[in-house]
Amino acid sequence: MSTQGKASKSASGAAMSKYDVEVEGRLKALESTITELKKEINSHRHAAPAAKSSGDGGRVDALVEKLNSCEAFTQYFPKGADGVRRIDI
């Protein structure tokens, strides 16, 4: 003997069980939450980071220069336009 869902009807008119109704409700809630989150993400903006402003007082640049003076490090890096191998960040 087959049992048909009697809790509700779907948009197409098919019978839905209590479980189907519960799942449909949860799905609609998730879809609306996703829509709200997408709107929030699209409206959220950050200021562009300042170029090479890391607040380290130039210590990183000094470190890169020191490493560029050591051939043991630079031998693994590609050559620049001037033909010299160096770390380029």
N, C-alpha and C. Protein backbone atom coordinates (compact mmCIF):
# COMPACT_ATOMS: atom_id res chain seq x y z
N MET A 1 0.85 -1.16 0.00
CA MET A 1 0.00 0.00 0.00
C MET A 1 0.90 1.23 0.00
N SER A 2 0.67 2.15 -0.92
CA SER A 2 1.52 3.34 -1.00
C SER A 2 0.87 4.49 -0.25
N THR A 3 1.71 5.30 0.35
CA THR A 3 1.22 6.48 1.05
C THR A 3 1.69 7.72 0.33
N GLN A 4 0.79 8.60 0.11
CA GLN A 4 1.14 9.86 -0.51
C GLN A 4 1.28 10.92 0.57
N GLY A 5 2.18 11.89 0.28
CA GLY A 5 2.33 12.99 1.22
C GLY A 5 1.07 13.83 1.25
N LYS A 6 0.62 14.15 2.42
CA LYS A 6 -0.61 14.92 2.57
C LYS A 6 -0.36 16.23 3.30
N ALA A 7 0.89 16.54 3.61
CA ALA A 7 1.20 17.73 4.40
C ALA A 7 1.04 19.00 3.58
N SER A 8 1.37 18.93 2.30
CA SER A 8 1.32 20.14 1.49
C SER A 8 1.40 19.77 0.03
N LYS A 9 1.31 20.78 -0.80
CA LYS A 9 1.47 20.60 -2.25
C LYS A 9 2.66 21.44 -2.70
N SER A 10 3.43 20.92 -3.64
CA SER A 10 4.56 21.67 -4.18
C SER A 10 4.05 22.69 -5.19
N ALA A 11 4.96 23.48 -5.72
CA ALA A 11 4.60 24.49 -6.71
C ALA A 11 4.01 23.84 -7.96
N SER A 12 4.42 22.61 -8.26
CA SER A 12 3.90 21.91 -9.43
C SER A 12 2.61 21.16 -9.13
N GLY A 13 2.19 21.16 -7.87
CA GLY A 13 0.94 20.48 -7.50
C GLY A 13 1.15 19.09 -6.94
N ALA A 14 2.39 18.62 -6.88
CA ALA A 14 2.66 17.29 -6.34
C ALA A 14 2.52 17.30 -4.82
N ALA A 15 2.07 16.17 -4.29
CA ALA A 15 1.92 16.05 -2.84
C ALA A 15 3.29 16.00 -2.18
N MET A 16 3.39 16.61 -1.00
CA MET A 16 4.66 16.64 -0.26
C MET A 16 4.43 16.09 1.15
N SER A 17 5.39 15.30 1.64
CA SER A 17 5.31 14.78 3.00
C SER A 17 5.75 15.86 3.98
N LYS A 18 5.58 15.58 5.28
CA LYS A 18 6.02 16.52 6.31
C LYS A 18 7.52 16.77 6.19
N TYR A 19 8.27 15.71 5.91
CA TYR A 19 9.72 15.84 5.75
C TYR A 19 10.04 16.76 4.58
N ASP A 20 9.35 16.54 3.45
CA ASP A 20 9.58 17.38 2.27
C ASP A 20 9.29 18.85 2.57
N VAL A 21 8.23 19.09 3.32
CA VAL A 21 7.87 20.47 3.68
C VAL A 21 8.95 21.09 4.56
N GLU A 22 9.46 20.31 5.52
CA GLU A 22 10.52 20.80 6.40
C GLU A 22 11.79 21.10 5.62
N VAL A 23 12.17 20.20 4.72
CA VAL A 23 13.37 20.39 3.91
C VAL A 23 13.21 21.60 3.00
N GLU A 24 12.05 21.75 2.40
CA GLU A 24 11.78 22.90 1.53
C GLU A 24 11.89 24.21 2.31
N GLY A 25 11.37 24.23 3.53
CA GLY A 25 11.47 25.42 4.37
C GLY A 25 12.92 25.76 4.70
N ARG A 26 13.70 24.75 5.04
CA ARG A 26 15.12 24.97 5.35
C ARG A 26 15.88 25.45 4.12
N LEU A 27 15.56 24.88 2.97
CA LEU A 27 16.21 25.28 1.72
C LEU A 27 15.91 26.73 1.40
N LYS A 28 14.67 27.13 1.54
CA LYS A 28 14.31 28.53 1.27
C LYS A 28 15.02 29.48 2.24
N ALA A 29 15.12 29.07 3.51
CA ALA A 29 15.83 29.90 4.49
C ALA A 29 17.31 30.04 4.12
N LEU A 30 17.94 28.93 3.71
CA LEU A 30 19.34 28.98 3.29
C LEU A 30 19.53 29.87 2.06
N GLU A 31 18.63 29.73 1.09
CA GLU A 31 18.73 30.54 -0.12
C GLU A 31 18.59 32.02 0.19
N SER A 32 17.67 32.38 1.09
CA SER A 32 17.52 33.80 1.43
C SER A 32 18.73 34.32 2.19
N THR A 33 19.31 33.48 3.05
CA THR A 33 20.52 33.88 3.77
C THR A 33 21.68 34.09 2.80
N ILE A 34 21.81 33.20 1.83
CA ILE A 34 22.88 33.33 0.83
C ILE A 34 22.70 34.61 0.04
N THR A 35 21.47 34.92 -0.34
CA THR A 35 21.20 36.15 -1.08
C THR A 35 21.59 37.38 -0.26
N GLU A 36 21.23 37.39 1.03
CA GLU A 36 21.58 38.51 1.92
C GLU A 36 23.10 38.63 2.05
N LEU A 37 23.80 37.50 2.21
CA LEU A 37 25.25 37.52 2.34
C LEU A 37 25.92 38.04 1.07
N LYS A 38 25.41 37.64 -0.09
CA LYS A 38 25.96 38.13 -1.35
C LYS A 38 25.81 39.64 -1.45
N LYS A 39 24.65 40.16 -1.04
CA LYS A 39 24.44 41.61 -1.06
C LYS A 39 25.43 42.31 -0.12
N GLU A 40 25.63 41.74 1.06
CA GLU A 40 26.55 42.32 2.03
C GLU A 40 27.99 42.29 1.51
N ILE A 41 28.38 41.19 0.90
CA ILE A 41 29.73 41.07 0.35
C ILE A 41 29.95 42.08 -0.76
N ASN A 42 28.97 42.22 -1.65
CA ASN A 42 29.10 43.16 -2.76
C ASN A 42 29.16 44.61 -2.30
N SER A 43 28.55 44.92 -1.15
CA SER A 43 28.57 46.30 -0.66
C SER A 43 29.78 46.58 0.23
N HIS A 44 30.51 45.55 0.60
CA HIS A 44 31.65 45.70 1.52
C HIS A 44 32.91 46.04 0.73
N ARG A 45 33.54 47.13 1.07
CA ARG A 45 34.75 47.57 0.37
C ARG A 45 35.85 47.88 1.38
N HIS A 46 37.07 47.60 0.97
CA HIS A 46 38.25 47.96 1.75
C HIS A 46 39.04 49.00 0.98
N ALA A 47 39.75 49.82 1.70
CA ALA A 47 40.65 50.76 1.04
C ALA A 47 41.82 49.98 0.46
N ALA A 48 42.29 50.42 -0.68
CA ALA A 48 43.42 49.75 -1.32
C ALA A 48 44.67 49.91 -0.45
N PRO A 49 45.46 48.86 -0.31
CA PRO A 49 46.67 48.98 0.50
C PRO A 49 47.66 49.94 -0.14
N ALA A 50 48.37 50.66 0.68
CA ALA A 50 49.37 51.60 0.18
C ALA A 50 50.53 50.81 -0.42
N ALA A 51 51.06 51.30 -1.49
CA ALA A 51 52.13 50.61 -2.20
C ALA A 51 53.41 50.59 -1.37
N LYS A 52 53.93 49.39 -1.15
CA LYS A 52 55.20 49.17 -0.44
C LYS A 52 55.27 49.89 0.91
N SER A 53 54.15 50.04 1.58
CA SER A 53 54.15 50.67 2.89
C SER A 53 53.87 49.60 3.93
N SER A 54 54.90 48.91 4.33
CA SER A 54 54.71 47.82 5.27
C SER A 54 54.95 48.23 6.71
N GLY A 55 55.43 49.43 6.92
CA GLY A 55 55.63 49.89 8.29
C GLY A 55 56.82 49.24 8.96
N ASP A 56 57.74 48.68 8.19
CA ASP A 56 58.90 48.01 8.78
C ASP A 56 60.12 48.92 8.83
N GLY A 57 59.96 50.17 8.42
CA GLY A 57 61.07 51.11 8.47
C GLY A 57 62.14 50.82 7.44
N GLY A 58 61.79 50.10 6.37
CA GLY A 58 62.75 49.81 5.33
C GLY A 58 63.62 48.60 5.60
N ARG A 59 63.31 47.87 6.65
CA ARG A 59 64.14 46.70 7.00
C ARG A 59 64.03 45.59 5.97
N VAL A 60 62.83 45.40 5.39
CA VAL A 60 62.67 44.34 4.38
C VAL A 60 63.48 44.70 3.14
N ASP A 61 63.42 45.96 2.72
CA ASP A 61 64.20 46.37 1.56
C ASP A 61 65.70 46.18 1.81
N ALA A 62 66.14 46.50 3.01
CA ALA A 62 67.55 46.33 3.36
C ALA A 62 67.93 44.84 3.34
N LEU A 63 67.04 43.99 3.83
CA LEU A 63 67.29 42.56 3.82
C LEU A 63 67.38 42.02 2.39
N VAL A 64 66.49 42.46 1.52
CA VAL A 64 66.51 42.02 0.13
C VAL A 64 67.81 42.46 -0.54
N GLU A 65 68.25 43.66 -0.27
CA GLU A 65 69.52 44.14 -0.84
C GLU A 65 70.69 43.28 -0.36
N LYS A 66 70.69 42.93 0.92
CA LYS A 66 71.76 42.07 1.46
C LYS A 66 71.74 40.70 0.78
N LEU A 67 70.54 40.14 0.60
CA LEU A 67 70.43 38.84 -0.04
C LEU A 67 70.85 38.91 -1.51
N ASN A 68 70.54 40.02 -2.17
CA ASN A 68 70.94 40.19 -3.56
C ASN A 68 72.45 40.29 -3.72
N SER A 69 73.14 40.65 -2.67
CA SER A 69 74.60 40.75 -2.75
C SER A 69 75.27 39.38 -2.55
N CYS A 70 74.48 38.37 -2.21
CA CYS A 70 75.02 37.03 -1.97
C CYS A 70 74.64 36.11 -3.13
N GLU A 71 75.65 35.67 -3.89
CA GLU A 71 75.42 34.84 -5.07
C GLU A 71 74.80 33.49 -4.71
N ALA A 72 75.01 33.01 -3.52
CA ALA A 72 74.44 31.73 -3.11
C ALA A 72 72.91 31.78 -3.12
N PHE A 73 72.34 32.94 -2.89
CA PHE A 73 70.88 33.10 -2.95
C PHE A 73 70.40 33.43 -4.35
N THR A 74 71.06 34.33 -5.00
CA THR A 74 70.58 34.84 -6.28
C THR A 74 70.73 33.86 -7.43
N GLN A 75 71.55 32.82 -7.27
CA GLN A 75 71.74 31.87 -8.38
C GLN A 75 70.46 31.14 -8.75
N TYR A 76 69.48 31.13 -7.87
CA TYR A 76 68.23 30.43 -8.13
C TYR A 76 67.14 31.34 -8.71
N PHE A 77 67.43 32.62 -8.83
CA PHE A 77 66.45 33.58 -9.32
C PHE A 77 66.71 33.91 -10.79
N PRO A 78 65.66 34.31 -11.51
CA PRO A 78 65.85 34.63 -12.93
C PRO A 78 66.64 35.93 -13.11
N LYS A 79 67.21 36.06 -14.30
CA LYS A 79 67.95 37.27 -14.63
C LYS A 79 66.97 38.39 -14.96
N GLY A 80 67.33 39.58 -14.56
CA GLY A 80 66.52 40.75 -14.87
C GLY A 80 66.85 41.25 -16.27
N ALA A 81 66.28 42.38 -16.66
CA ALA A 81 66.50 42.97 -17.98
C ALA A 81 67.97 43.33 -18.19
N ASP A 82 68.66 43.61 -17.09
CA ASP A 82 70.08 43.96 -17.21
C ASP A 82 71.01 42.74 -17.18
N GLY A 83 70.43 41.53 -17.11
CA GLY A 83 71.23 40.31 -17.14
C GLY A 83 71.76 39.87 -15.78
N VAL A 84 71.34 40.54 -14.73
CA VAL A 84 71.82 40.21 -13.38
C VAL A 84 70.73 39.44 -12.65
N ARG A 85 71.13 38.33 -12.00
CA ARG A 85 70.17 37.57 -11.19
C ARG A 85 69.96 38.28 -9.85
N ARG A 86 68.68 38.44 -9.51
CA ARG A 86 68.39 39.08 -8.22
C ARG A 86 66.98 38.73 -7.75
N ILE A 87 66.78 38.90 -6.46
CA ILE A 87 65.46 38.72 -5.86
C ILE A 87 64.67 39.97 -6.18
N ASP A 88 63.50 39.78 -6.77
CA ASP A 88 62.65 40.91 -7.13
C ASP A 88 61.29 40.73 -6.50
N ILE A 89 61.01 41.53 -5.48
CA ILE A 89 59.69 41.43 -4.84
C ILE A 89 58.90 42.69 -5.03
